[in-house]
PDB file of all heavy atoms in Angstrom:
ATOM      1  N   GLU A   1     114.931  72.247 135.428  1.00  0.00           N
ATOM      2  CA  GLU A   1     115.854  72.593 134.354  1.00  0.00           C
ATOM      3  C   GLU A   1     117.214  71.921 134.519  1.00  0.00           C
ATOM      4  O   GLU A   1     117.867  71.577 133.539  1.00  0.00           O
ATOM      5  CB  GLU A   1     116.010  74.113 134.274  1.00  0.00           C
ATOM      6  CG  GLU A   1     114.760  74.837 133.801  1.00  0.00           C
ATOM      7  CD  GLU A   1     114.976  76.324 133.647  1.00  0.00           C
ATOM      8  OE1 GLU A   1     115.463  76.744 132.580  1.00  0.00           O
ATOM      9  OE2 GLU A   1     114.664  77.067 134.597  1.00  0.00           O
ATOM     10  N   ASN A   2     117.649  71.721 135.775  1.00  0.00           N
ATOM     11  CA  ASN A   2     118.936  71.068 136.010  1.00  0.00           C
ATOM     12  C   ASN A   2     118.812  69.550 136.120  1.00  0.00           C
ATOM     13  O   ASN A   2     119.800  68.857 136.391  1.00  0.00           O
ATOM     14  CB  ASN A   2     119.618  71.635 137.261  1.00  0.00           C
ATOM     15  CG  ASN A   2     118.783  71.421 138.527  1.00  0.00           C
ATOM     16  OD1 ASN A   2     117.829  70.647 138.544  1.00  0.00           O
ATOM     17  ND2 ASN A   2     119.160  72.111 139.594  1.00  0.00           N
ATOM     18  N   HIS A   3     117.588  69.057 135.948  1.00  0.00           N
ATOM     19  CA  HIS A   3     117.294  67.619 135.939  1.00  0.00           C
ATOM     20  C   HIS A   3     117.521  66.942 137.293  1.00  0.00           C
ATOM     21  O   HIS A   3     117.492  65.709 137.372  1.00  0.00           O
ATOM     22  CB  HIS A   3     118.117  66.892 134.867  1.00  0.00           C
ATOM     23  CG  HIS A   3     117.747  67.262 133.467  1.00  0.00           C
ATOM     24  ND1 HIS A   3     118.129  66.536 132.372  1.00  0.00           N
ATOM     25  CD2 HIS A   3     117.032  68.300 132.975  1.00  0.00           C
ATOM     26  CE1 HIS A   3     117.667  67.092 131.263  1.00  0.00           C
ATOM     27  NE2 HIS A   3     116.997  68.181 131.616  1.00  0.00           N
ATOM     28  N   LYS A   4     117.689  67.719 138.337  1.00  0.00           N
ATOM     29  CA  LYS A   4     117.926  67.124 139.651  1.00  0.00           C
ATOM     30  C   LYS A   4     116.629  66.752 140.370  1.00  0.00           C
ATOM     31  O   LYS A   4     116.649  65.911 141.274  1.00  0.00           O
ATOM     32  CB  LYS A   4     118.737  68.089 140.525  1.00  0.00           C
ATOM     33  CG  LYS A   4     120.180  68.263 140.066  1.00  0.00           C
ATOM     34  CD  LYS A   4     120.946  69.157 141.027  1.00  0.00           C
ATOM     35  CE  LYS A   4     122.406  69.283 140.595  1.00  0.00           C
ATOM     36  NZ  LYS A   4     123.187  70.151 141.536  1.00  0.00           N
ATOM     37  N   GLU A   5     115.530  67.354 139.979  1.00  0.00           N
ATOM     38  CA  GLU A   5     114.272  67.164 140.699  1.00  0.00           C
ATOM     39  C   GLU A   5     113.169  66.795 139.727  1.00  0.00           C
ATOM     40  O   GLU A   5     113.099  67.319 138.615  1.00  0.00           O
ATOM     41  CB  GLU A   5     113.916  68.459 141.436  1.00  0.00           C
ATOM     42  CG  GLU A   5     112.630  68.414 142.218  1.00  0.00           C
ATOM     43  CD  GLU A   5     112.345  69.744 142.911  1.00  0.00           C
ATOM     44  OE1 GLU A   5     111.982  70.704 142.211  1.00  0.00           O
ATOM     45  OE2 GLU A   5     112.509  69.813 144.135  1.00  0.00           O
ATOM     46  N   VAL A   6     112.316  65.881 140.128  1.00  0.00           N
ATOM     47  CA  VAL A   6     111.126  65.541 139.364  1.00  0.00           C
ATOM     48  C   VAL A   6     109.909  65.763 140.246  1.00  0.00           C
ATOM     49  O   VAL A   6     109.875  65.327 141.406  1.00  0.00           O
ATOM     50  CB  VAL A   6     111.145  64.078 138.871  1.00  0.00           C
ATOM     51  CG1 VAL A   6     109.806  63.698 138.233  1.00  0.00           C
ATOM     52  CG2 VAL A   6     112.265  63.872 137.859  1.00  0.00           C
ATOM     53  N   ILE A   7     108.929  66.471 139.688  1.00  0.00           N
ATOM     54  CA  ILE A   7     107.658  66.709 140.363  1.00  0.00           C
ATOM     55  C   ILE A   7     106.604  65.824 139.703  1.00  0.00           C
ATOM     56  O   ILE A   7     106.443  65.844 138.485  1.00  0.00           O
ATOM     57  CB  ILE A   7     107.230  68.184 140.242  1.00  0.00           C
ATOM     58  CG1 ILE A   7     108.308  69.120 140.804  1.00  0.00           C
ATOM     59  CG2 ILE A   7     105.884  68.412 140.920  1.00  0.00           C
ATOM     60  CD1 ILE A   7     108.581  68.949 142.277  1.00  0.00           C
ATOM     61  N   LEU A   8     105.889  65.056 140.492  1.00  0.00           N
ATOM     62  CA  LEU A   8     104.751  64.289 139.996  1.00  0.00           C
ATOM     63  C   LEU A   8     103.489  64.797 140.686  1.00  0.00           C
ATOM     64  O   LEU A   8     103.507  65.088 141.896  1.00  0.00           O
ATOM     65  CB  LEU A   8     104.902  62.797 140.269  1.00  0.00           C
ATOM     66  CG  LEU A   8     106.085  62.092 139.601  1.00  0.00           C
ATOM     67  CD1 LEU A   8     107.208  61.906 140.618  1.00  0.00           C
ATOM     68  CD2 LEU A   8     105.661  60.743 139.029  1.00  0.00           C
ATOM     69  N   VAL A   9     102.417  64.923 139.924  1.00  0.00           N
ATOM     70  CA  VAL A   9     101.122  65.271 140.499  1.00  0.00           C
ATOM     71  C   VAL A   9     100.167  64.121 140.229  1.00  0.00           C
ATOM     72  O   VAL A   9      99.969  63.718 139.081  1.00  0.00           O
ATOM     73  CB  VAL A   9     100.558  66.578 139.927  1.00  0.00           C
ATOM     74  CG1 VAL A   9      99.234  66.926 140.620  1.00  0.00           C
ATOM     75  CG2 VAL A   9     101.555  67.722 140.109  1.00  0.00           C
ATOM     76  N   LEU A  10      99.606  63.575 141.299  1.00  0.00           N
ATOM     77  CA  LEU A  10      98.676  62.457 141.223  1.00  0.00           C
ATOM     78  C   LEU A  10      97.285  62.953 141.608  1.00  0.00           C
ATOM     79  O   LEU A  10      97.121  63.649 142.623  1.00  0.00           O
ATOM     80  CB  LEU A  10      99.088  61.320 142.155  1.00  0.00           C
ATOM     81  CG  LEU A  10     100.374  60.560 141.815  1.00  0.00           C
ATOM     82  CD1 LEU A  10     101.614  61.341 142.258  1.00  0.00           C
ATOM     83  CD2 LEU A  10     100.374  59.180 142.473  1.00  0.00           C
ATOM     84  N   VAL A  11      96.299  62.607 140.809  1.00  0.00           N
ATOM     85  CA  VAL A  11      94.911  62.975 141.083  1.00  0.00           C
ATOM     86  C   VAL A  11      94.143  61.669 141.294  1.00  0.00           C
ATOM     87  O   VAL A  11      93.859  60.929 140.344  1.00  0.00           O
ATOM     88  CB  VAL A  11      94.300  63.775 139.924  1.00  0.00           C
ATOM     89  CG1 VAL A  11      92.884  64.227 140.286  1.00  0.00           C
ATOM     90  CG2 VAL A  11      95.174  64.977 139.576  1.00  0.00           C
ATOM     91  N   ASN A  12      93.835  61.380 142.546  1.00  0.00           N
ATOM     92  CA  ASN A  12      93.096  60.159 142.896  1.00  0.00           C
ATOM     93  C   ASN A  12      91.642  60.533 143.142  1.00  0.00           C
ATOM     94  O   ASN A  12      91.282  60.983 144.222  1.00  0.00           O
ATOM     95  CB  ASN A  12      93.702  59.500 144.123  1.00  0.00           C
ATOM     96  CG  ASN A  12      92.965  58.221 144.519  1.00  0.00           C
ATOM     97  OD1 ASN A  12      92.113  57.727 143.766  1.00  0.00           O
ATOM     98  ND2 ASN A  12      93.277  57.677 145.689  1.00  0.00           N
ATOM     99  N   SER A  13      90.813  60.364 142.121  1.00  0.00           N
ATOM    100  CA  SER A  13      89.391  60.690 142.252  1.00  0.00           C
ATOM    101  C   SER A  13      88.583  59.528 142.800  1.00  0.00           C
ATOM    102  O   SER A  13      87.372  59.663 143.001  1.00  0.00           O
ATOM    103  CB  SER A  13      88.823  61.095 140.883  1.00  0.00           C
ATOM    104  OG  SER A  13      89.480  62.235 140.384  1.00  0.00           O
ATOM    105  N   GLY A  14      89.225  58.397 143.011  1.00  0.00           N
ATOM    106  CA  GLY A  14      88.525  57.206 143.475  1.00  0.00           C
ATOM    107  C   GLY A  14      88.178  57.253 144.948  1.00  0.00           C
ATOM    108  O   GLY A  14      88.593  58.152 145.684  1.00  0.00           O
ATOM    109  N   ILE A  15      87.467  56.249 145.392  1.00  0.00           N
ATOM    110  CA  ILE A  15      86.999  56.200 146.785  1.00  0.00           C
ATOM    111  C   ILE A  15      87.909  55.343 147.658  1.00  0.00           C
ATOM    112  O   ILE A  15      87.629  55.128 148.832  1.00  0.00           O
ATOM    113  CB  ILE A  15      85.551  55.673 146.860  1.00  0.00           C
ATOM    114  CG1 ILE A  15      85.454  54.264 146.261  1.00  0.00           C
ATOM    115  CG2 ILE A  15      84.605  56.633 146.149  1.00  0.00           C
ATOM    116  CD1 ILE A  15      84.086  53.618 146.439  1.00  0.00           C
ATOM    117  N   LYS A  16      89.018  54.853 147.087  1.00  0.00           N
ATOM    118  CA  LYS A  16      89.961  54.041 147.844  1.00  0.00           C
ATOM    119  C   LYS A  16      91.346  54.678 147.811  1.00  0.00           C
ATOM    120  O   LYS A  16      91.746  55.296 146.822  1.00  0.00           O
ATOM    121  CB  LYS A  16      90.049  52.626 147.256  1.00  0.00           C
ATOM    122  CG  LYS A  16      88.766  51.812 147.384  1.00  0.00           C
ATOM    123  CD  LYS A  16      88.966  50.408 146.817  1.00  0.00           C
ATOM    124  CE  LYS A  16      87.690  49.578 146.961  1.00  0.00           C
ATOM    125  NZ  LYS A  16      87.872  48.209 146.395  1.00  0.00           N
ATOM    126  N   ASP A  17      92.092  54.479 148.906  1.00  0.00           N
ATOM    127  CA  ASP A  17      93.491  54.882 148.920  1.00  0.00           C
ATOM    128  C   ASP A  17      94.257  54.060 147.895  1.00  0.00           C
ATOM    129  O   ASP A  17      93.886  52.922 147.570  1.00  0.00           O
ATOM    130  CB  ASP A  17      94.107  54.650 150.298  1.00  0.00           C
ATOM    131  CG  ASP A  17      93.492  55.521 151.385  1.00  0.00           C
ATOM    132  OD1 ASP A  17      92.691  56.423 151.037  1.00  0.00           O
ATOM    133  OD2 ASP A  17      93.807  55.305 152.571  1.00  0.00           O
ATOM    134  N   VAL A  18      95.335  54.644 147.393  1.00  0.00           N
ATOM    135  CA  VAL A  18      96.197  53.958 146.434  1.00  0.00           C
ATOM    136  C   VAL A  18      97.619  53.991 146.968  1.00  0.00           C
ATOM    137  O   VAL A  18      98.142  55.062 147.292  1.00  0.00           O
ATOM    138  CB  VAL A  18      96.140  54.625 145.042  1.00  0.00           C
ATOM    139  CG1 VAL A  18      97.175  53.991 144.109  1.00  0.00           C
ATOM    140  CG2 VAL A  18      94.747  54.507 144.438  1.00  0.00           C
ATOM    141  N   LYS A  19      98.255  52.819 147.034  1.00  0.00           N
ATOM    142  CA  LYS A  19      99.653  52.765 147.416  1.00  0.00           C
ATOM    143  C   LYS A  19     100.489  52.845 146.149  1.00  0.00           C
ATOM    144  O   LYS A  19     100.264  52.084 145.198  1.00  0.00           O
ATOM    145  CB  LYS A  19      99.977  51.484 148.175  1.00  0.00           C
ATOM    146  CG  LYS A  19     101.386  51.474 148.753  1.00  0.00           C
ATOM    147  CD  LYS A  19     101.635  50.243 149.616  1.00  0.00           C
ATOM    148  CE  LYS A  19     103.040  50.286 150.222  1.00  0.00           C
ATOM    149  NZ  LYS A  19     103.313  49.079 151.055  1.00  0.00           N
ATOM    150  N   ALA A  20     101.425  53.780 146.101  1.00  0.00           N
ATOM    151  CA  ALA A  20     102.221  54.010 144.901  1.00  0.00           C
ATOM    152  C   ALA A  20     103.701  53.924 145.228  1.00  0.00           C
ATOM    153  O   ALA A  20     104.161  54.423 146.262  1.00  0.00           O
ATOM    154  CB  ALA A  20     101.897  55.374 144.298  1.00  0.00           C
ATOM    155  N   ASP A  21     104.454  53.263 144.343  1.00  0.00           N
ATOM    156  CA  ASP A  21     105.895  53.154 144.466  1.00  0.00           C
ATOM    157  C   ASP A  21     106.532  53.839 143.263  1.00  0.00           C
ATOM    158  O   ASP A  21     106.090  53.653 142.119  1.00  0.00           O
ATOM    159  CB  ASP A  21     106.323  51.685 144.512  1.00  0.00           C
ATOM    160  CG  ASP A  21     107.805  51.549 144.793  1.00  0.00           C
ATOM    161  OD1 ASP A  21     108.185  51.625 145.975  1.00  0.00           O
ATOM    162  OD2 ASP A  21     108.580  51.369 143.831  1.00  0.00           O
ATOM    163  N   PHE A  22     107.580  54.637 143.494  1.00  0.00           N
ATOM    164  CA  PHE A  22     108.124  55.504 142.448  1.00  0.00           C
ATOM    165  C   PHE A  22     109.515  55.067 142.027  1.00  0.00           C
ATOM    166  O   PHE A  22     110.352  54.691 142.852  1.00  0.00           O
ATOM    167  CB  PHE A  22     108.154  56.956 142.936  1.00  0.00           C
ATOM    168  CG  PHE A  22     106.793  57.499 143.245  1.00  0.00           C
ATOM    169  CD1 PHE A  22     106.275  57.405 144.525  1.00  0.00           C
ATOM    170  CD2 PHE A  22     106.013  58.064 142.250  1.00  0.00           C
ATOM    171  CE1 PHE A  22     105.002  57.882 144.810  1.00  0.00           C
ATOM    172  CE2 PHE A  22     104.744  58.542 142.528  1.00  0.00           C
ATOM    173  CZ  PHE A  22     104.241  58.446 143.809  1.00  0.00           C
ATOM    174  N   SER A  23     109.733  55.144 140.719  1.00  0.00           N
ATOM    175  CA  SER A  23     111.061  54.867 140.181  1.00  0.00           C
ATOM    176  C   SER A  23     111.394  55.912 139.125  1.00  0.00           C
ATOM    177  O   SER A  23     110.512  56.501 138.497  1.00  0.00           O
ATOM    178  CB  SER A  23     111.145  53.460 139.592  1.00  0.00           C
ATOM    179  OG  SER A  23     110.194  53.282 138.563  1.00  0.00           O
ATOM    180  N   ASP A  24     112.691  56.118 138.956  1.00  0.00           N
ATOM    181  CA  ASP A  24     113.225  57.119 138.030  1.00  0.00           C
ATOM    182  C   ASP A  24     114.039  56.376 136.982  1.00  0.00           C
ATOM    183  O   ASP A  24     115.111  55.834 137.287  1.00  0.00           O
ATOM    184  CB  ASP A  24     114.094  58.099 138.820  1.00  0.00           C
ATOM    185  CG  ASP A  24     114.551  59.298 138.012  1.00  0.00           C
ATOM    186  OD1 ASP A  24     114.483  59.234 136.774  1.00  0.00           O
ATOM    187  OD2 ASP A  24     114.990  60.286 138.619  1.00  0.00           O
ATOM    188  N   ASP A  25     113.499  56.300 135.750  1.00  0.00           N
ATOM    189  CA  ASP A  25     114.125  55.498 134.699  1.00  0.00           C
ATOM    190  C   ASP A  25     114.371  54.073 135.169  1.00  0.00           C
ATOM    191  O   ASP A  25     115.432  53.477 134.920  1.00  0.00           O
ATOM    192  CB  ASP A  25     115.425  56.150 134.230  1.00  0.00           C
ATOM    193  CG  ASP A  25     115.178  57.355 133.328  1.00  0.00           C
ATOM    194  OD1 ASP A  25     114.148  57.365 132.616  1.00  0.00           O
ATOM    195  OD2 ASP A  25     116.009  58.277 133.340  1.00  0.00           O
ATOM    196  N   GLY A  26     113.377  53.516 135.849  1.00  0.00           N
ATOM    197  CA  GLY A  26     113.421  52.125 136.270  1.00  0.00           C
ATOM    198  C   GLY A  26     114.156  51.859 137.562  1.00  0.00           C
ATOM    199  O   GLY A  26     114.158  50.726 138.065  1.00  0.00           O
ATOM    200  N   VAL A  27     114.772  52.886 138.134  1.00  0.00           N
ATOM    201  CA  VAL A  27     115.514  52.733 139.378  1.00  0.00           C
ATOM    202  C   VAL A  27     114.686  53.313 140.525  1.00  0.00           C
ATOM    203  O   VAL A  27     114.232  54.462 140.447  1.00  0.00           O
ATOM    204  CB  VAL A  27     116.883  53.437 139.296  1.00  0.00           C
ATOM    205  CG1 VAL A  27     117.627  53.302 140.622  1.00  0.00           C
ATOM    206  CG2 VAL A  27     117.701  52.886 138.150  1.00  0.00           C
ATOM    207  N   SER A  28     114.485  52.532 141.567  1.00  0.00           N
ATOM    208  CA  SER A  28     113.694  52.989 142.711  1.00  0.00           C
ATOM    209  C   SER A  28     114.205  54.331 143.206  1.00  0.00           C
ATOM    210  O   SER A  28     115.408  54.525 143.389  1.00  0.00           O
ATOM    211  CB  SER A  28     113.770  51.955 143.835  1.00  0.00           C
ATOM    212  OG  SER A  28     112.978  52.373 144.934  1.00  0.00           O
ATOM    213  N   SER A  29     113.280  55.276 143.387  1.00  0.00           N
ATOM    214  CA  SER A  29     113.671  56.637 143.749  1.00  0.00           C
ATOM    215  C   SER A  29     112.976  57.069 145.029  1.00  0.00           C
ATOM    216  O   SER A  29     111.744  57.054 145.112  1.00  0.00           O
ATOM    217  CB  SER A  29     113.314  57.592 142.612  1.00  0.00           C
ATOM    218  OG  SER A  29     113.743  58.903 142.898  1.00  0.00           O
ATOM    219  N   PRO A  30     113.750  57.449 146.041  1.00  0.00           N
ATOM    220  CA  PRO A  30     113.129  57.878 147.291  1.00  0.00           C
ATOM    221  C   PRO A  30     112.339  59.173 147.133  1.00  0.00           C
ATOM    222  O   PRO A  30     112.712  60.048 146.354  1.00  0.00           O
ATOM    223  CB  PRO A  30     114.316  58.069 148.238  1.00  0.00           C
ATOM    224  CG  PRO A  30     115.484  58.284 147.346  1.00  0.00           C
ATOM    225  CD  PRO A  30     115.219  57.484 146.113  1.00  0.00           C
ATOM    226  N   VAL A  31     111.260  59.266 147.868  1.00  0.00           N
ATOM    227  CA  VAL A  31     110.414  60.458 147.865  1.00  0.00           C
ATOM    228  C   VAL A  31     110.999  61.469 148.842  1.00  0.00           C
ATOM    229  O   VAL A  31     111.209  61.167 150.015  1.00  0.00           O
ATOM    230  CB  VAL A  31     108.962  60.100 148.253  1.00  0.00           C
ATOM    231  CG1 VAL A  31     108.121  61.358 148.401  1.00  0.00           C
ATOM    232  CG2 VAL A  31     108.362  59.155 147.216  1.00  0.00           C
ATOM    233  N   THR A  32     111.264  62.682 148.363  1.00  0.00           N
ATOM    234  CA  THR A  32     111.855  63.710 149.215  1.00  0.00           C
ATOM    235  C   THR A  32     110.842  64.775 149.633  1.00  0.00           C
ATOM    236  O   THR A  32     111.144  65.614 150.480  1.00  0.00           O
ATOM    237  CB  THR A  32     113.028  64.399 148.501  1.00  0.00           C
ATOM    238  OG1 THR A  32     112.568  64.969 147.268  1.00  0.00           O
ATOM    239  CG2 THR A  32     114.124  63.389 148.195  1.00  0.00           C
ATOM    240  N   GLY A  33     109.643  64.743 149.037  1.00  0.00           N
ATOM    241  CA  GLY A  33     108.604  65.695 149.405  1.00  0.00           C
ATOM    242  C   GLY A  33     107.237  65.144 149.062  1.00  0.00           C
ATOM    243  O   GLY A  33     107.069  64.481 148.032  1.00  0.00           O
ATOM    244  N   LEU A  34     106.267  65.404 149.924  1.00  0.00           N
ATOM    245  CA  LEU A  34     104.906  64.893 149.727  1.00  0.00           C
ATOM    246  C   LEU A  34     103.929  65.942 150.241  1.00  0.00           C
ATOM    247  O   LEU A  34     103.995  66.346 151.404  1.00  0.00           O
ATOM    248  CB  LEU A  34     104.714  63.572 150.476  1.00  0.00           C
ATOM    249  CG  LEU A  34     103.362  62.876 150.349  1.00  0.00           C
ATOM    250  CD1 LEU A  34     103.115  62.425 148.914  1.00  0.00           C
ATOM    251  CD2 LEU A  34     103.286  61.678 151.289  1.00  0.00           C
ATOM    252  N   TYR A  35     103.003  66.390 149.357  1.00  0.00           N
ATOM    253  CA  TYR A  35     102.071  67.459 149.700  1.00  0.00           C
ATOM    254  C   TYR A  35     100.665  67.038 149.266  1.00  0.00           C
ATOM    255  O   TYR A  35     100.450  66.712 148.100  1.00  0.00           O
ATOM    256  CB  TYR A  35     102.486  68.761 149.020  1.00  0.00           C
ATOM    257  CG  TYR A  35     103.899  69.177 149.381  1.00  0.00           C
ATOM    258  CD1 TYR A  35     104.983  68.684 148.657  1.00  0.00           C
ATOM    259  CD2 TYR A  35     104.136  70.019 150.459  1.00  0.00           C
ATOM    260  CE1 TYR A  35     106.287  69.036 148.998  1.00  0.00           C
ATOM    261  CE2 TYR A  35     105.437  70.387 150.807  1.00  0.00           C
ATOM    262  CZ  TYR A  35     106.507  69.890 150.071  1.00  0.00           C
ATOM    263  OH  TYR A  35     107.785  70.238 150.428  1.00  0.00           O
ATOM    264  N   ILE A  36      99.740  67.078 150.199  1.00  0.00           N
ATOM    265  CA  ILE A  36      98.413  66.495 149.973  1.00  0.00           C
ATOM    266  C   ILE A  36      97.324  67.548 150.121  1.00  0.00           C
ATOM    267  O   ILE A  36      97.301  68.312 151.099  1.00  0.00           O
ATOM    268  CB  ILE A  36      98.138  65.343 150.954  1.00  0.00           C
ATOM    269  CG1 ILE A  36      99.185  64.223 150.761  1.00  0.00           C
ATOM    270  CG2 ILE A  36      96.724  64.781 150.776  1.00  0.00           C
ATOM    271  CD1 ILE A  36      99.060  63.095 151.769  1.00  0.00           C
ATOM    272  N   THR A  37      96.420  67.573 149.150  1.00  0.00           N
ATOM    273  CA  THR A  37      95.185  68.350 149.249  1.00  0.00           C
ATOM    274  C   THR A  37      94.020  67.367 149.227  1.00  0.00           C
ATOM    275  O   THR A  37      93.897  66.561 148.301  1.00  0.00           O
ATOM    276  CB  THR A  37      95.049  69.340 148.083  1.00  0.00           C
ATOM    277  OG1 THR A  37      96.151  70.255 148.116  1.00  0.00           O
ATOM    278  CG2 THR A  37      93.742  70.119 148.181  1.00  0.00           C
ATOM    279  N   SER A  38      93.195  67.428 150.249  1.00  0.00           N
ATOM    280  CA  SER A  38      92.038  66.546 150.384  1.00  0.00           C
ATOM    281  C   SER A  38      90.974  67.310 151.146  1.00  0.00           C
ATOM    282  O   SER A  38      91.135  68.496 151.429  1.00  0.00           O
ATOM    283  CB  SER A  38      92.423  65.259 151.128  1.00  0.00           C
ATOM    284  OG  SER A  38      92.815  65.566 152.461  1.00  0.00           O
ATOM    285  N   ASN A  39      89.890  66.640 151.499  1.00  0.00           N
ATOM    286  CA  ASN A  39      88.869  67.320 152.299  1.00  0.00           C
ATOM    287  C   ASN A  39      89.433  67.780 153.630  1.00  0.00           C
ATOM    288  O   ASN A  39      89.001  68.788 154.195  1.00  0.00           O
ATOM    289  CB  ASN A  39      87.667  66.407 152.521  1.00  0.00           C
ATOM    290  CG  ASN A  39      86.435  66.904 151.790  1.00  0.00           C
ATOM    291  OD1 ASN A  39      86.343  68.078 151.431  1.00  0.00           O
ATOM    292  ND2 ASN A  39      85.478  66.028 151.558  1.00  0.00           N
ATOM    293  N   GLU A  40      90.424  67.047 154.149  1.00  0.00           N
ATOM    294  CA  GLU A  40      90.985  67.353 155.462  1.00  0.00           C
ATOM    295  C   GLU A  40      92.247  68.195 155.385  1.00  0.00           C
ATOM    296  O   GLU A  40      92.576  68.914 156.342  1.00  0.00           O
ATOM    297  CB  GLU A  40      91.311  66.051 156.210  1.00  0.00           C
ATOM    298  CG  GLU A  40      90.108  65.186 156.551  1.00  0.00           C
ATOM    299  CD  GLU A  40      89.577  64.410 155.351  1.00  0.00           C
ATOM    300  OE1 GLU A  40      90.382  64.100 154.433  1.00  0.00           O
ATOM    301  OE2 GLU A  40      88.362  64.137 155.319  1.00  0.00           O
ATOM    302  N   LEU A  41      92.977  68.117 154.272  1.00  0.00           N
ATOM    303  CA  LEU A  41      94.287  68.754 154.168  1.00  0.00           C
ATOM    304  C   LEU A  41      94.309  69.768 153.031  1.00  0.00           C
ATOM    305  O   LEU A  41      93.664  69.567 152.005  1.00  0.00           O
ATOM    306  CB  LEU A  41      95.368  67.699 153.938  1.00  0.00           C
ATOM    307  CG  LEU A  41      95.478  66.581 154.981  1.00  0.00           C
ATOM    308  CD1 LEU A  41      96.514  65.553 154.551  1.00  0.00           C
ATOM    309  CD2 LEU A  41      95.820  67.142 156.357  1.00  0.00           C
ATOM    310  N   SER A  42      95.086  70.829 153.205  1.00  0.00           N
ATOM    311  CA  SER A  42      95.210  71.877 152.194  1.00  0.00           C
ATOM    312  C   SER A  42      96.671  72.080 151.833  1.00  0.00           C
ATOM    313  O   SER A  42      97.370  72.895 152.428  1.00  0.00           O
ATOM    314  CB  SER A  42      94.599  73.185 152.712  1.00  0.00           C
ATOM    315  OG  SER A  42      93.213  73.043 152.944  1.00  0.00           O
ATOM    316  N   LEU A  43      97.153  71.285 150.875  1.00  0.00           N
ATOM    317  CA  LEU A  43      98.542  71.296 150.440  1.00  0.00           C
ATOM    318  C   LEU A  43      99.477  71.133 151.641  1.00  0.00           C
ATOM    319  O   LEU A  43     100.496  71.816 151.772  1.00  0.00           O
ATOM    320  CB  LEU A  43      98.861  72.582 149.663  1.00  0.00           C
ATOM    321  CG  LEU A  43     100.027  72.519 148.664  1.00  0.00           C
ATOM    322  CD1 LEU A  43      99.814  71.437 147.621  1.00  0.00           C
ATOM    323  CD2 LEU A  43     100.250  73.857 147.988  1.00  0.00           C
ATOM    324  N   GLU A  44      99.126  70.184 152.503  1.00  0.00           N
ATOM    325  CA  GLU A  44      99.903  69.935 153.713  1.00  0.00           C
ATOM    326  C   GLU A  44     101.115  69.077 153.393  1.00  0.00           C
ATOM    327  O   GLU A  44     101.049  68.129 152.603  1.00  0.00           O
ATOM    328  CB  GLU A  44      99.051  69.222 154.769  1.00  0.00           C
ATOM    329  CG  GLU A  44      97.799  69.961 155.184  1.00  0.00           C
ATOM    330  CD  GLU A  44      98.085  71.169 156.050  1.00  0.00           C
ATOM    331  OE1 GLU A  44      99.208  71.276 156.579  1.00  0.00           O
ATOM    332  OE2 GLU A  44      97.172  72.009 156.204  1.00  0.00           O
TER     333      GLU A  44
END
């Protein structure tokens, strides 16, 4: 609501890892949080 934070949810159903680079309105934006659910991880 205060526009300070953006949450992205990525669903990679493929069989290969994907390298992703993030930008905010075209400006490179550092990732401040990363949470993964997979066969090995549970929202880690």
